[in-house]
């Protein structure tokens, strides 16, 4: 399974919903529970749920099984867990509070805007 392709697809799916500040962190060398975090800020609960749904649908097209989803009833965050890729959708204030970019500051950031086409060819 290509975790990078899933992370890139999740970022592009979130971008289609017009979420803000999408970041992919390559955490694979820093921990043993996942390869990538995808972080995004959503302005409203409706946008957050739409992004989660869009990402889950995209995961299905890649034949990826969603292992779990947390925060579905929250106004401030939703987490989609694919095992090797974890997608965090936050309200901006909640994202600032948890500050995963700082917590995982040693993680390499993955440029996602131009990378999906290349990842599709490798999968």
PDB file of N, CA and C in Angstrom:
ATOM      1  N   UNK A   1       0.848  -1.187   0.000  1.00  0.00           N
ATOM      2  CA  UNK A   1       0.000   0.000   0.000  1.00  0.00           C
ATOM      3  C   UNK A   1       0.888   1.243   0.000  1.00  0.00           C
ATOM      4  N   UNK A   2       0.534   2.186  -0.796  1.00  0.00           N
ATOM      5  CA  UNK A   2       1.344   3.390  -0.932  1.00  0.00           C
ATOM      6  C   UNK A   2       0.802   4.491  -0.026  1.00  0.00           C
ATOM      7  N   UNK A   3       1.434   4.644   1.124  1.00  0.00           N
ATOM      8  CA  UNK A   3       0.959   5.636   2.090  1.00  0.00           C
ATOM      9  C   UNK A   3       1.142   7.061   1.574  1.00  0.00           C
ATOM     10  N   UNK A   4       2.201   7.304   0.817  1.00  0.00           N
ATOM     11  CA  UNK A   4       2.416   8.650   0.293  1.00  0.00           C
ATOM     12  C   UNK A   4       1.300   9.038  -0.667  1.00  0.00           C
ATOM     13  N   UNK A   5       0.896   8.107  -1.506  1.00  0.00           N
ATOM     14  CA  UNK A   5      -0.201   8.391  -2.446  1.00  0.00           C
ATOM     15  C   UNK A   5      -1.478   8.740  -1.685  1.00  0.00           C
ATOM     16  N   UNK A   6      -1.766   8.010  -0.619  1.00  0.00           N
ATOM     17  CA  UNK A   6      -2.950   8.315   0.187  1.00  0.00           C
ATOM     18  C   UNK A   6      -2.836   9.697   0.816  1.00  0.00           C
ATOM     19  N   UNK A   7      -1.666  10.026   1.366  1.00  0.00           N
ATOM     20  CA  UNK A   7      -1.479  11.343   1.983  1.00  0.00           C
ATOM     21  C   UNK A   7      -1.673  12.452   0.953  1.00  0.00           C
ATOM     22  N   UNK A   8      -1.105  12.289  -0.222  1.00  0.00           N
ATOM     23  CA  UNK A   8      -1.252  13.291  -1.284  1.00  0.00           C
ATOM     24  C   UNK A   8      -2.705  13.411  -1.729  1.00  0.00           C
ATOM     25  N   UNK A   9      -3.370  12.284  -1.875  1.00  0.00           N
ATOM     26  CA  UNK A   9      -4.779  12.279  -2.284  1.00  0.00           C
ATOM     27  C   UNK A   9      -5.644  12.947  -1.227  1.00  0.00           C
ATOM     28  N   UNK A  10      -5.361  12.689   0.041  1.00  0.00           N
ATOM     29  CA  UNK A  10      -6.123  13.328   1.128  1.00  0.00           C
ATOM     30  C   UNK A  10      -5.938  14.837   1.087  1.00  0.00           C
ATOM     31  N   UNK A  11      -4.711  15.291   0.873  1.00  0.00           N
ATOM     32  CA  UNK A  11      -4.453  16.730   0.799  1.00  0.00           C
ATOM     33  C   UNK A  11      -5.212  17.366  -0.362  1.00  0.00           C
ATOM     34  N   UNK A  12      -5.180  16.731  -1.518  1.00  0.00           N
ATOM     35  CA  UNK A  12      -5.890  17.275  -2.674  1.00  0.00           C
ATOM     36  C   UNK A  12      -7.405  17.241  -2.462  1.00  0.00           C
ATOM     37  N   UNK A  13      -7.899  16.194  -1.827  1.00  0.00           N
ATOM     38  CA  UNK A  13      -9.337  16.111  -1.543  1.00  0.00           C
ATOM     39  C   UNK A  13      -9.762  17.227  -0.596  1.00  0.00           C
ATOM     40  N   UNK A  14      -8.964  17.476   0.429  1.00  0.00           N
ATOM     41  CA  UNK A  14      -9.272  18.568   1.367  1.00  0.00           C
ATOM     42  C   UNK A  14      -9.220  19.915   0.653  1.00  0.00           C
ATOM     43  N   UNK A  15      -8.257  20.063  -0.238  1.00  0.00           N
ATOM     44  CA  UNK A  15      -8.128  21.310  -0.995  1.00  0.00           C
ATOM     45  C   UNK A  15      -9.365  21.566  -1.853  1.00  0.00           C
ATOM     46  N   UNK A  16      -9.978  20.517  -2.371  1.00  0.00           N
ATOM     47  CA  UNK A  16     -11.196  20.668  -3.174  1.00  0.00           C
ATOM     48  C   UNK A  16     -12.352  21.211  -2.345  1.00  0.00           C
ATOM     49  N   UNK A  17     -12.307  20.997  -1.043  1.00  0.00           N
ATOM     50  CA  UNK A  17     -13.342  21.512  -0.137  1.00  0.00           C
ATOM     51  C   UNK A  17     -12.953  22.910   0.357  1.00  0.00           C
ATOM     52  N   UNK A  18     -11.811  23.408  -0.106  1.00  0.00           N
ATOM     53  CA  UNK A  18     -11.324  24.757   0.230  1.00  0.00           C
ATOM     54  C   UNK A  18     -10.936  24.916   1.691  1.00  0.00           C
ATOM     55  N   UNK A  19     -10.393  23.833   2.292  1.00  0.00           N
ATOM     56  CA  UNK A  19      -9.872  23.974   3.651  1.00  0.00           C
ATOM     57  C   UNK A  19      -8.566  24.761   3.589  1.00  0.00           C
ATOM     58  N   UNK A  20      -8.096  25.224   4.727  1.00  0.00           N
ATOM     59  CA  UNK A  20      -6.920  26.087   4.791  1.00  0.00           C
ATOM     60  C   UNK A  20      -5.704  25.344   5.326  1.00  0.00           C
ATOM     61  N   UNK A  21      -4.535  25.886   5.002  1.00  0.00           N
ATOM     62  CA  UNK A  21      -3.267  25.472   5.619  1.00  0.00           C
ATOM     63  C   UNK A  21      -3.057  23.959   5.635  1.00  0.00           C
ATOM     64  N   UNK A  22      -3.139  23.336   4.496  1.00  0.00           N
ATOM     65  CA  UNK A  22      -2.930  21.891   4.399  1.00  0.00           C
ATOM     66  C   UNK A  22      -1.428  21.604   4.438  1.00  0.00           C
ATOM     67  N   UNK A  23      -1.054  20.699   5.332  1.00  0.00           N
ATOM     68  CA  UNK A  23       0.346  20.319   5.500  1.00  0.00           C
ATOM     69  C   UNK A  23       0.424  18.795   5.570  1.00  0.00           C
ATOM     70  N   UNK A  24       1.395  18.231   4.875  1.00  0.00           N
ATOM     71  CA  UNK A  24       1.700  16.805   5.019  1.00  0.00           C
ATOM     72  C   UNK A  24       3.047  16.714   5.725  1.00  0.00           C
ATOM     73  N   UNK A  25       3.074  15.975   6.827  1.00  0.00           N
ATOM     74  CA  UNK A  25       4.313  15.735   7.557  1.00  0.00           C
ATOM     75  C   UNK A  25       4.720  14.276   7.370  1.00  0.00           C
ATOM     76  N   UNK A  26       5.955  14.058   6.957  1.00  0.00           N
ATOM     77  CA  UNK A  26       6.523  12.720   6.829  1.00  0.00           C
ATOM     78  C   UNK A  26       7.099  12.348   8.189  1.00  0.00           C
ATOM     79  N   UNK A  27       6.359  11.547   8.947  1.00  0.00           N
ATOM     80  CA  UNK A  27       6.761  11.195  10.307  1.00  0.00           C
ATOM     81  C   UNK A  27       7.322   9.782  10.394  1.00  0.00           C
ATOM     82  N   UNK A  28       7.440   9.102   9.275  1.00  0.00           N
ATOM     83  CA  UNK A  28       7.837   7.697   9.254  1.00  0.00           C
ATOM     84  C   UNK A  28       9.150   7.394   9.939  1.00  0.00           C
ATOM     85  N   UNK A  29      10.113   8.286   9.855  1.00  0.00           N
ATOM     86  CA  UNK A  29      11.417   8.045  10.482  1.00  0.00           C
ATOM     87  C   UNK A  29      11.434   8.463  11.948  1.00  0.00           C
ATOM     88  N   UNK A  30      10.357   9.099  12.404  1.00  0.00           N
ATOM     89  CA  UNK A  30      10.306   9.607  13.774  1.00  0.00           C
ATOM     90  C   UNK A  30       9.462   8.754  14.706  1.00  0.00           C
ATOM     91  N   UNK A  31       8.641   7.877  14.146  1.00  0.00           N
ATOM     92  CA  UNK A  31       7.775   7.049  14.985  1.00  0.00           C
ATOM     93  C   UNK A  31       7.492   5.729  14.270  1.00  0.00           C
ATOM     94  N   UNK A  32       6.874   4.815  14.989  1.00  0.00           N
ATOM     95  CA  UNK A  32       6.595   3.510  14.396  1.00  0.00           C
ATOM     96  C   UNK A  32       5.107   3.238  14.188  1.00  0.00           C
ATOM     97  N   UNK A  33       4.257   4.247  14.384  1.00  0.00           N
ATOM     98  CA  UNK A  33       2.820   4.005  14.241  1.00  0.00           C
ATOM     99  C   UNK A  33       2.213   4.569  12.965  1.00  0.00           C
ATOM    100  N   UNK A  34       2.932   5.427  12.238  1.00  0.00           N
ATOM    101  CA  UNK A  34       2.390   5.995  10.997  1.00  0.00           C
ATOM    102  C   UNK A  34       3.543   6.522  10.153  1.00  0.00           C
ATOM    103  N   UNK A  35       3.248   6.720   8.884  1.00  0.00           N
ATOM    104  CA  UNK A  35       4.228   7.293   7.956  1.00  0.00           C
ATOM    105  C   UNK A  35       3.983   8.779   7.718  1.00  0.00           C
ATOM    106  N   UNK A  36       2.707   9.171   7.678  1.00  0.00           N
ATOM    107  CA  UNK A  36       2.367  10.555   7.346  1.00  0.00           C
ATOM    108  C   UNK A  36       1.226  11.054   8.216  1.00  0.00           C
ATOM    109  N   UNK A  37       1.300  12.336   8.554  1.00  0.00           N
ATOM    110  CA  UNK A  37       0.182  13.096   9.088  1.00  0.00           C
ATOM    111  C   UNK A  37      -0.233  14.083   8.002  1.00  0.00           C
ATOM    112  N   UNK A  38      -1.528  14.227   7.812  1.00  0.00           N
ATOM    113  CA  UNK A  38      -2.064  15.293   6.972  1.00  0.00           C
ATOM    114  C   UNK A  38      -2.843  16.200   7.919  1.00  0.00           C
ATOM    115  N   UNK A  39      -2.491  17.477   7.923  1.00  0.00           N
ATOM    116  CA  UNK A  39      -3.123  18.452   8.804  1.00  0.00           C
ATOM    117  C   UNK A  39      -3.836  19.490   7.955  1.00  0.00           C
ATOM    118  N   UNK A  40      -5.025  19.893   8.391  1.00  0.00           N
ATOM    119  CA  UNK A  40      -5.765  20.915   7.659  1.00  0.00           C
ATOM    120  C   UNK A  40      -6.675  21.668   8.617  1.00  0.00           C
ATOM    121  N   UNK A  41      -6.921  22.930   8.303  1.00  0.00           N
ATOM    122  CA  UNK A  41      -7.802  23.775   9.110  1.00  0.00           C
ATOM    123  C   UNK A  41      -9.113  23.996   8.379  1.00  0.00           C
ATOM    124  N   UNK A  42     -10.209  23.795   9.100  1.00  0.00           N
ATOM    125  CA  UNK A  42     -11.556  23.968   8.544  1.00  0.00           C
ATOM    126  C   UNK A  42     -12.252  25.077   9.322  1.00  0.00           C
ATOM    127  N   UNK A  43     -12.894  25.973   8.602  1.00  0.00           N
ATOM    128  CA  UNK A  43     -13.526  27.130   9.232  1.00  0.00           C
ATOM    129  C   UNK A  43     -14.821  26.795   9.961  1.00  0.00           C
ATOM    130  N   UNK A  44     -15.530  25.776   9.497  1.00  0.00           N
ATOM    131  CA  UNK A  44     -16.816  25.430  10.106  1.00  0.00           C
ATOM    132  C   UNK A  44     -16.929  23.915  10.278  1.00  0.00           C
ATOM    133  N   UNK A  45     -17.866  23.524  11.125  1.00  0.00           N
ATOM    134  CA  UNK A  45     -18.145  22.095  11.326  1.00  0.00           C
ATOM    135  C   UNK A  45     -18.614  21.457  10.017  1.00  0.00           C
ATOM    136  N   UNK A  46     -19.416  22.178   9.259  1.00  0.00           N
ATOM    137  CA  UNK A  46     -19.918  21.652   7.984  1.00  0.00           C
ATOM    138  C   UNK A  46     -18.758  21.397   7.022  1.00  0.00           C
ATOM    139  N   UNK A  47     -17.829  22.345   6.934  1.00  0.00           N
ATOM    140  CA  UNK A  47     -16.679  22.167   6.066  1.00  0.00           C
ATOM    141  C   UNK A  47     -15.821  20.981   6.544  1.00  0.00           C
ATOM    142  N   UNK A  48     -15.669  20.846   7.846  1.00  0.00           N
ATOM    143  CA  UNK A  48     -14.880  19.752   8.407  1.00  0.00           C
ATOM    144  C   UNK A  48     -15.491  18.397   8.047  1.00  0.00           C
ATOM    145  N   UNK A  49     -16.786  18.285   8.188  1.00  0.00           N
ATOM    146  CA  UNK A  49     -17.470  17.028   7.846  1.00  0.00           C
ATOM    147  C   UNK A  49     -17.408  16.757   6.348  1.00  0.00           C
ATOM    148  N   UNK A  50     -17.550  17.796   5.541  1.00  0.00           N
ATOM    149  CA  UNK A  50     -17.461  17.625   4.081  1.00  0.00           C
ATOM    150  C   UNK A  50     -16.065  17.160   3.685  1.00  0.00           C
ATOM    151  N   UNK A  51     -15.042  17.737   4.305  1.00  0.00           N
ATOM    152  CA  UNK A  51     -13.668  17.330   4.000  1.00  0.00           C
ATOM    153  C   UNK A  51     -13.438  15.885   4.425  1.00  0.00           C
ATOM    154  N   UNK A  52     -13.917  15.509   5.601  1.00  0.00           N
ATOM    155  CA  UNK A  52     -13.765  14.126   6.068  1.00  0.00           C
ATOM    156  C   UNK A  52     -14.445  13.146   5.114  1.00  0.00           C
ATOM    157  N   UNK A  53     -15.640  13.499   4.664  1.00  0.00           N
ATOM    158  CA  UNK A  53     -16.366  12.633   3.735  1.00  0.00           C
ATOM    159  C   UNK A  53     -15.632  12.522   2.398  1.00  0.00           C
ATOM    160  N   UNK A  54     -15.146  13.646   1.891  1.00  0.00           N
ATOM    161  CA  UNK A  54     -14.429  13.661   0.614  1.00  0.00           C
ATOM    162  C   UNK A  54     -13.154  12.816   0.706  1.00  0.00           C
ATOM    163  N   UNK A  55     -12.429  12.941   1.809  1.00  0.00           N
ATOM    164  CA  UNK A  55     -11.203  12.165   2.001  1.00  0.00           C
ATOM    165  C   UNK A  55     -11.524  10.675   2.115  1.00  0.00           C
ATOM    166  N   UNK A  56     -12.569  10.327   2.864  1.00  0.00           N
ATOM    167  CA  UNK A  56     -12.953   8.924   3.003  1.00  0.00           C
ATOM    168  C   UNK A  56     -13.346   8.326   1.653  1.00  0.00           C
ATOM    169  N   UNK A  57     -14.065   9.087   0.838  1.00  0.00           N
ATOM    170  CA  UNK A  57     -14.430   8.608  -0.502  1.00  0.00           C
ATOM    171  C   UNK A  57     -13.186   8.406  -1.364  1.00  0.00           C
ATOM    172  N   UNK A  58     -12.244   9.337  -1.268  1.00  0.00           N
ATOM    173  CA  UNK A  58     -11.000   9.212  -2.034  1.00  0.00           C
ATOM    174  C   UNK A  58     -10.210   7.992  -1.573  1.00  0.00           C
ATOM    175  N   UNK A  59     -10.214   7.743  -0.274  1.00  0.00           N
ATOM    176  CA  UNK A  59      -9.538   6.552   0.248  1.00  0.00           C
ATOM    177  C   UNK A  59     -10.120   5.277  -0.322  1.00  0.00           C
ATOM    178  N   UNK A  60     -11.424   5.237  -0.475  1.00  0.00           N
ATOM    179  CA  UNK A  60     -12.077   4.064  -1.070  1.00  0.00           C
ATOM    180  C   UNK A  60     -11.640   3.851  -2.512  1.00  0.00           C
ATOM    181  N   UNK A  61     -11.475   4.928  -3.261  1.00  0.00           N
ATOM    182  CA  UNK A  61     -11.044   4.779  -4.660  1.00  0.00           C
ATOM    183  C   UNK A  61      -9.628   4.224  -4.748  1.00  0.00           C
ATOM    184  N   UNK A  62      -8.852   4.376  -3.673  1.00  0.00           N
ATOM    185  CA  UNK A  62      -7.494   3.819  -3.619  1.00  0.00           C
ATOM    186  C   UNK A  62      -7.491   2.432  -2.972  1.00  0.00           C
ATOM    187  N   UNK A  63      -8.685   1.907  -2.713  1.00  0.00           N
ATOM    188  CA  UNK A  63      -8.835   0.619  -2.026  1.00  0.00           C
ATOM    189  C   UNK A  63      -8.196   0.612  -0.646  1.00  0.00           C
ATOM    190  N   UNK A  64      -8.307   1.737   0.041  1.00  0.00           N
ATOM    191  CA  UNK A  64      -7.776   1.856   1.390  1.00  0.00           C
ATOM    192  C   UNK A  64      -8.922   1.789   2.380  1.00  0.00           C
ATOM    193  N   UNK A  65      -8.725   1.015   3.418  1.00  0.00           N
ATOM    194  CA  UNK A  65      -9.732   0.840   4.452  1.00  0.00           C
ATOM    195  C   UNK A  65      -9.501   1.846   5.579  1.00  0.00           C
ATOM    196  N   UNK A  66     -10.510   2.599   5.893  1.00  0.00           N
ATOM    197  CA  UNK A  66     -10.474   3.534   7.017  1.00  0.00           C
ATOM    198  C   UNK A  66     -10.564   2.715   8.302  1.00  0.00           C
ATOM    199  N   UNK A  67      -9.530   2.768   9.124  1.00  0.00           N
ATOM    200  CA  UNK A  67      -9.489   1.971  10.346  1.00  0.00           C
ATOM    201  C   UNK A  67     -10.330   2.576  11.456  1.00  0.00           C
ATOM    202  N   UNK A  68     -10.443   3.894  11.453  1.00  0.00           N
ATOM    203  CA  UNK A  68     -11.228   4.545  12.491  1.00  0.00           C
ATOM    204  C   UNK A  68     -11.401   6.017  12.199  1.00  0.00           C
ATOM    205  N   UNK A  69     -12.442   6.559  12.785  1.00  0.00           N
ATOM    206  CA  UNK A  69     -12.692   7.993  12.686  1.00  0.00           C
ATOM    207  C   UNK A  69     -13.083   8.470  14.079  1.00  0.00           C
ATOM    208  N   UNK A  70     -12.492   9.574  14.496  1.00  0.00           N
ATOM    209  CA  UNK A  70     -12.769  10.144  15.808  1.00  0.00           C
ATOM    210  C   UNK A  70     -13.234  11.585  15.629  1.00  0.00           C
ATOM    211  N   UNK A  71     -14.044  12.048  16.567  1.00  0.00           N
ATOM    212  CA  UNK A  71     -14.466  13.436  16.573  1.00  0.00           C
ATOM    213  C   UNK A  71     -15.590  13.770  15.608  1.00  0.00           C
ATOM    214  N   UNK A  72     -16.297  12.781  15.135  1.00  0.00           N
ATOM    215  CA  UNK A  72     -17.369  13.035  14.166  1.00  0.00           C
ATOM    216  C   UNK A  72     -18.422  14.020  14.675  1.00  0.00           C
ATOM    217  N   UNK A  73     -18.605  14.051  15.978  1.00  0.00           N
ATOM    218  CA  UNK A  73     -19.615  14.938  16.560  1.00  0.00           C
ATOM    219  C   UNK A  73     -19.001  16.187  17.178  1.00  0.00           C
ATOM    220  N   UNK A  74     -17.717  16.373  16.936  1.00  0.00           N
ATOM    221  CA  UNK A  74     -17.009  17.521  17.500  1.00  0.00           C
ATOM    222  C   UNK A  74     -17.137  18.742  16.589  1.00  0.00           C
ATOM    223  N   UNK A  75     -17.119  19.897  17.185  1.00  0.00           N
ATOM    224  CA  UNK A  75     -17.085  21.144  16.417  1.00  0.00           C
ATOM    225  C   UNK A  75     -15.660  21.574  16.103  1.00  0.00           C
ATOM    226  N   UNK A  76     -14.663  20.900  16.703  1.00  0.00           N
ATOM    227  CA  UNK A  76     -13.305  21.420  16.612  1.00  0.00           C
ATOM    228  C   UNK A  76     -12.280  20.496  15.963  1.00  0.00           C
ATOM    229  N   UNK A  77     -12.585  19.214  15.764  1.00  0.00           N
ATOM    230  CA  UNK A  77     -11.610  18.324  15.137  1.00  0.00           C
ATOM    231  C   UNK A  77     -12.258  17.024  14.664  1.00  0.00           C
ATOM    232  N   UNK A  78     -11.682  16.462  13.633  1.00  0.00           N
ATOM    233  CA  UNK A  78     -12.009  15.113  13.175  1.00  0.00           C
ATOM    234  C   UNK A  78     -10.683  14.463  12.802  1.00  0.00           C
ATOM    235  N   UNK A  79     -10.529  13.206  13.168  1.00  0.00           N
ATOM    236  CA  UNK A  79      -9.337  12.440  12.832  1.00  0.00           C
ATOM    237  C   UNK A  79      -9.742  11.214  12.033  1.00  0.00           C
ATOM    238  N   UNK A  80      -9.098  11.015  10.886  1.00  0.00           N
ATOM    239  CA  UNK A  80      -9.307   9.814  10.080  1.00  0.00           C
ATOM    240  C   UNK A  80      -8.026   8.988  10.144  1.00  0.00           C
ATOM    241  N   UNK A  81      -8.163   7.736  10.572  1.00  0.00           N
ATOM    242  CA  UNK A  81      -7.004   6.874  10.790  1.00  0.00           C
ATOM    243  C   UNK A  81      -6.970   5.763   9.746  1.00  0.00           C
ATOM    244  N   UNK A  82      -5.931   5.804   8.916  1.00  0.00           N
ATOM    245  CA  UNK A  82      -5.694   4.757   7.931  1.00  0.00           C
ATOM    246  C   UNK A  82      -4.509   3.882   8.338  1.00  0.00           C
ATOM    247  N   UNK A  83      -4.069   3.986   9.569  1.00  0.00           N
ATOM    248  CA  UNK A  83      -2.913   3.235  10.032  1.00  0.00           C
ATOM    249  C   UNK A  83      -1.626   3.953   9.691  1.00  0.00           C
ATOM    250  N   UNK A  84      -1.210   3.855   8.448  1.00  0.00           N
ATOM    251  CA  UNK A  84       0.037   4.489   8.028  1.00  0.00           C
ATOM    252  C   UNK A  84      -0.122   5.976   7.724  1.00  0.00           C
ATOM    253  N   UNK A  85      -1.347   6.435   7.560  1.00  0.00           N
ATOM    254  CA  UNK A  85      -1.647   7.844   7.308  1.00  0.00           C
ATOM    255  C   UNK A  85      -2.758   8.263   8.268  1.00  0.00           C
ATOM    256  N   UNK A  86      -2.516   9.365   8.981  1.00  0.00           N
ATOM    257  CA  UNK A  86      -3.510   9.896   9.909  1.00  0.00           C
ATOM    258  C   UNK A  86      -3.829  11.321   9.467  1.00  0.00           C
ATOM    259  N   UNK A  87      -5.111  11.580   9.230  1.00  0.00           N
ATOM    260  CA  UNK A  87      -5.554  12.891   8.757  1.00  0.00           C
ATOM    261  C   UNK A  87      -6.229  13.615   9.919  1.00  0.00           C
ATOM    262  N   UNK A  88      -5.735  14.822  10.195  1.00  0.00           N
ATOM    263  CA  UNK A  88      -6.258  15.653  11.276  1.00  0.00           C
ATOM    264  C   UNK A  88      -6.940  16.864  10.657  1.00  0.00           C
ATOM    265  N   UNK A  89      -8.229  16.995  10.866  1.00  0.00           N
ATOM    266  CA  UNK A  89      -8.981  18.167  10.423  1.00  0.00           C
ATOM    267  C   UNK A  89      -9.354  18.955  11.678  1.00  0.00           C
ATOM    268  N   UNK A  90      -8.878  20.182  11.747  1.00  0.00           N
ATOM    269  CA  UNK A  90      -9.048  20.997  12.945  1.00  0.00           C
ATOM    270  C   UNK A  90      -9.754  22.305  12.641  1.00  0.00           C
ATOM    271  N   UNK A  91     -10.475  22.813  13.642  1.00  0.00           N
ATOM    272  CA  UNK A  91     -10.843  24.217  13.648  1.00  0.00           C
ATOM    273  C   UNK A  91      -9.536  24.963  13.909  1.00  0.00           C
ATOM    274  N   UNK A  92      -9.316  26.145  13.311  1.00  0.00           N
ATOM    275  CA  UNK A  92      -8.026  26.832  13.465  1.00  0.00           C
ATOM    276  C   UNK A  92      -7.559  27.011  14.915  1.00  0.00           C
ATOM    277  N   UNK A  93      -8.472  27.346  15.835  1.00  0.00           N
ATOM    278  CA  UNK A  93      -8.067  27.522  17.238  1.00  0.00           C
ATOM    279  C   UNK A  93      -7.593  26.208  17.851  1.00  0.00           C
ATOM    280  N   UNK A  94      -8.271  25.136  17.518  1.00  0.00           N
ATOM    281  CA  UNK A  94      -7.883  23.820  18.035  1.00  0.00           C
ATOM    282  C   UNK A  94      -6.543  23.398  17.452  1.00  0.00           C
ATOM    283  N   UNK A  95      -6.326  23.693  16.186  1.00  0.00           N
ATOM    284  CA  UNK A  95      -5.037  23.367  15.567  1.00  0.00           C
ATOM    285  C   UNK A  95      -3.899  24.124  16.252  1.00  0.00           C
ATOM    286  N   UNK A  96      -4.130  25.395  16.534  1.00  0.00           N
ATOM    287  CA  UNK A  96      -3.103  26.171  17.240  1.00  0.00           C
ATOM    288  C   UNK A  96      -2.843  25.597  18.635  1.00  0.00           C
ATOM    289  N   UNK A  97      -3.905  25.160  19.307  1.00  0.00           N
ATOM    290  CA  UNK A  97      -3.763  24.615  20.654  1.00  0.00           C
ATOM    291  C   UNK A  97      -2.885  23.359  20.661  1.00  0.00           C
ATOM    292  N   UNK A  98      -3.163  22.422  19.760  1.00  0.00           N
ATOM    293  CA  UNK A  98      -2.404  21.169  19.720  1.00  0.00           C
ATOM    294  C   UNK A  98      -1.045  21.338  19.033  1.00  0.00           C
ATOM    295  N   UNK A  99      -0.941  22.266  18.112  1.00  0.00           N
ATOM    296  CA  UNK A  99       0.317  22.641  17.458  1.00  0.00           C
ATOM    297  C   UNK A  99       1.159  21.432  17.051  1.00  0.00           C
ATOM    298  N   UNK A 100       0.560  20.544  16.271  1.00  0.00           N
ATOM    299  CA  UNK A 100       1.261  19.342  15.840  1.00  0.00           C
ATOM    300  C   UNK A 100       2.477  19.646  14.971  1.00  0.00           C
ATOM    301  N   UNK A 101       2.442  20.758  14.243  1.00  0.00           N
ATOM    302  CA  UNK A 101       3.613  21.124  13.447  1.00  0.00           C
ATOM    303  C   UNK A 101       4.826  21.365  14.347  1.00  0.00           C
ATOM    304  N   UNK A 102       4.620  21.974  15.498  1.00  0.00           N
ATOM    305  CA  UNK A 102       5.731  22.192  16.433  1.00  0.00           C
ATOM    306  C   UNK A 102       6.105  20.880  17.119  1.00  0.00           C
ATOM    307  N   UNK A 103       5.098  20.135  17.565  1.00  0.00           N
ATOM    308  CA  UNK A 103       5.339  18.868  18.254  1.00  0.00           C
ATOM    309  C   UNK A 103       6.140  17.905  17.374  1.00  0.00           C
ATOM    310  N   UNK A 104       5.827  17.875  16.089  1.00  0.00           N
ATOM    311  CA  UNK A 104       6.514  17.025  15.116  1.00  0.00           C
ATOM    312  C   UNK A 104       7.450  17.887  14.263  1.00  0.00           C
ATOM    313  N   UNK A 105       8.105  18.836  14.890  1.00  0.00           N
ATOM    314  CA  UNK A 105       8.947  19.800  14.191  1.00  0.00           C
ATOM    315  C   UNK A 105      10.110  19.195  13.423  1.00  0.00           C
ATOM    316  N   UNK A 106      10.534  17.984  13.785  1.00  0.00           N
ATOM    317  CA  UNK A 106      11.626  17.326  13.062  1.00  0.00           C
ATOM    318  C   UNK A 106      11.143  16.607  11.809  1.00  0.00           C
ATOM    319  N   UNK A 107       9.840  16.532  11.618  1.00  0.00           N
ATOM    320  CA  UNK A 107       9.286  15.840  10.452  1.00  0.00           C
ATOM    321  C   UNK A 107       9.504  16.668   9.184  1.00  0.00           C
ATOM    322  N   UNK A 108       9.782  15.971   8.109  1.00  0.00           N
ATOM    323  CA  UNK A 108       9.936  16.632   6.813  1.00  0.00           C
ATOM    324  C   UNK A 108       8.550  16.966   6.266  1.00  0.00           C
ATOM    325  N   UNK A 109       8.418  18.182   5.753  1.00  0.00           N
ATOM    326  CA  UNK A 109       7.165  18.575   5.097  1.00  0.00           C
ATOM    327  C   UNK A 109       7.191  18.095   3.649  1.00  0.00           C
ATOM    328  N   UNK A 110       6.074  17.571   3.206  1.00  0.00           N
ATOM    329  CA  UNK A 110       5.957  17.056   1.844  1.00  0.00           C
ATOM    330  C   UNK A 110       5.204  18.080   1.004  1.00  0.00           C
ATOM    331  N   UNK A 111       5.802  18.498  -0.096  1.00  0.00           N
ATOM    332  CA  UNK A 111       5.112  19.398  -1.029  1.00  0.00           C
ATOM    333  C   UNK A 111       4.052  18.572  -1.753  1.00  0.00           C
ATOM    334  N   UNK A 112       2.806  18.951  -1.603  1.00  0.00           N
ATOM    335  CA  UNK A 112       1.726  18.116  -2.132  1.00  0.00           C
ATOM    336  C   UNK A 112       1.049  18.704  -3.369  1.00  0.00           C
ATOM    337  N   UNK A 113       1.172  19.974  -3.600  1.00  0.00           N
ATOM    338  CA  UNK A 113       0.416  20.590  -4.698  1.00  0.00           C
ATOM    339  C   UNK A 113       0.818  20.061  -6.068  1.00  0.00           C
ATOM    340  N   UNK A 114       2.071  19.726  -6.248  1.00  0.00           N
ATOM    341  CA  UNK A 114       2.554  19.279  -7.552  1.00  0.00           C
ATOM    342  C   UNK A 114       2.846  17.784  -7.586  1.00  0.00           C
ATOM    343  N   UNK A 115       2.666  17.074  -6.483  1.00  0.00           N
ATOM    344  CA  UNK A 115       3.187  15.726  -6.379  1.00  0.00           C
ATOM    345  C   UNK A 115       2.207  14.606  -6.695  1.00  0.00           C
ATOM    346  N   UNK A 116       0.922  14.842  -6.755  1.00  0.00           N
ATOM    347  CA  UNK A 116      -0.037  13.749  -6.908  1.00  0.00           C
ATOM    348  C   UNK A 116       0.157  13.008  -8.222  1.00  0.00           C
ATOM    349  N   UNK A 117       0.385  13.693  -9.308  1.00  0.00           N
ATOM    350  CA  UNK A 117       0.547  13.030 -10.606  1.00  0.00           C
ATOM    351  C   UNK A 117       1.711  12.049 -10.568  1.00  0.00           C
ATOM    352  N   UNK A 118       2.834  12.426  -9.970  1.00  0.00           N
ATOM    353  CA  UNK A 118       3.983  11.549  -9.868  1.00  0.00           C
ATOM    354  C   UNK A 118       3.708  10.343  -8.987  1.00  0.00           C
ATOM    355  N   UNK A 119       2.972  10.544  -7.901  1.00  0.00           N
ATOM    356  CA  UNK A 119       2.656   9.445  -7.004  1.00  0.00           C
ATOM    357  C   UNK A 119       1.712   8.448  -7.661  1.00  0.00           C
ATOM    358  N   UNK A 120       0.814   8.922  -8.517  1.00  0.00           N
ATOM    359  CA  UNK A 120      -0.103   8.010  -9.204  1.00  0.00           C
ATOM    360  C   UNK A 120       0.662   7.063 -10.122  1.00  0.00           C
ATOM    361  N   UNK A 121       1.688   7.573 -10.749  1.00  0.00           N
ATOM    362  CA  UNK A 121       2.465   6.741 -11.657  1.00  0.00           C
ATOM    363  C   UNK A 121       3.244   5.653 -10.943  1.00  0.00           C
ATOM    364  N   UNK A 122       3.548   5.826  -9.642  1.00  0.00           N
ATOM    365  CA  UNK A 122       4.329   4.869  -8.888  1.00  0.00           C
ATOM    366  C   UNK A 122       3.468   3.803  -8.221  1.00  0.00           C
ATOM    367  N   UNK A 123       2.190   4.078  -8.065  1.00  0.00           N
ATOM    368  CA  UNK A 123       1.320   3.151  -7.329  1.00  0.00           C
ATOM    369  C   UNK A 123       0.907   1.987  -8.177  1.00  0.00           C
TER     370      UNK A 123
END
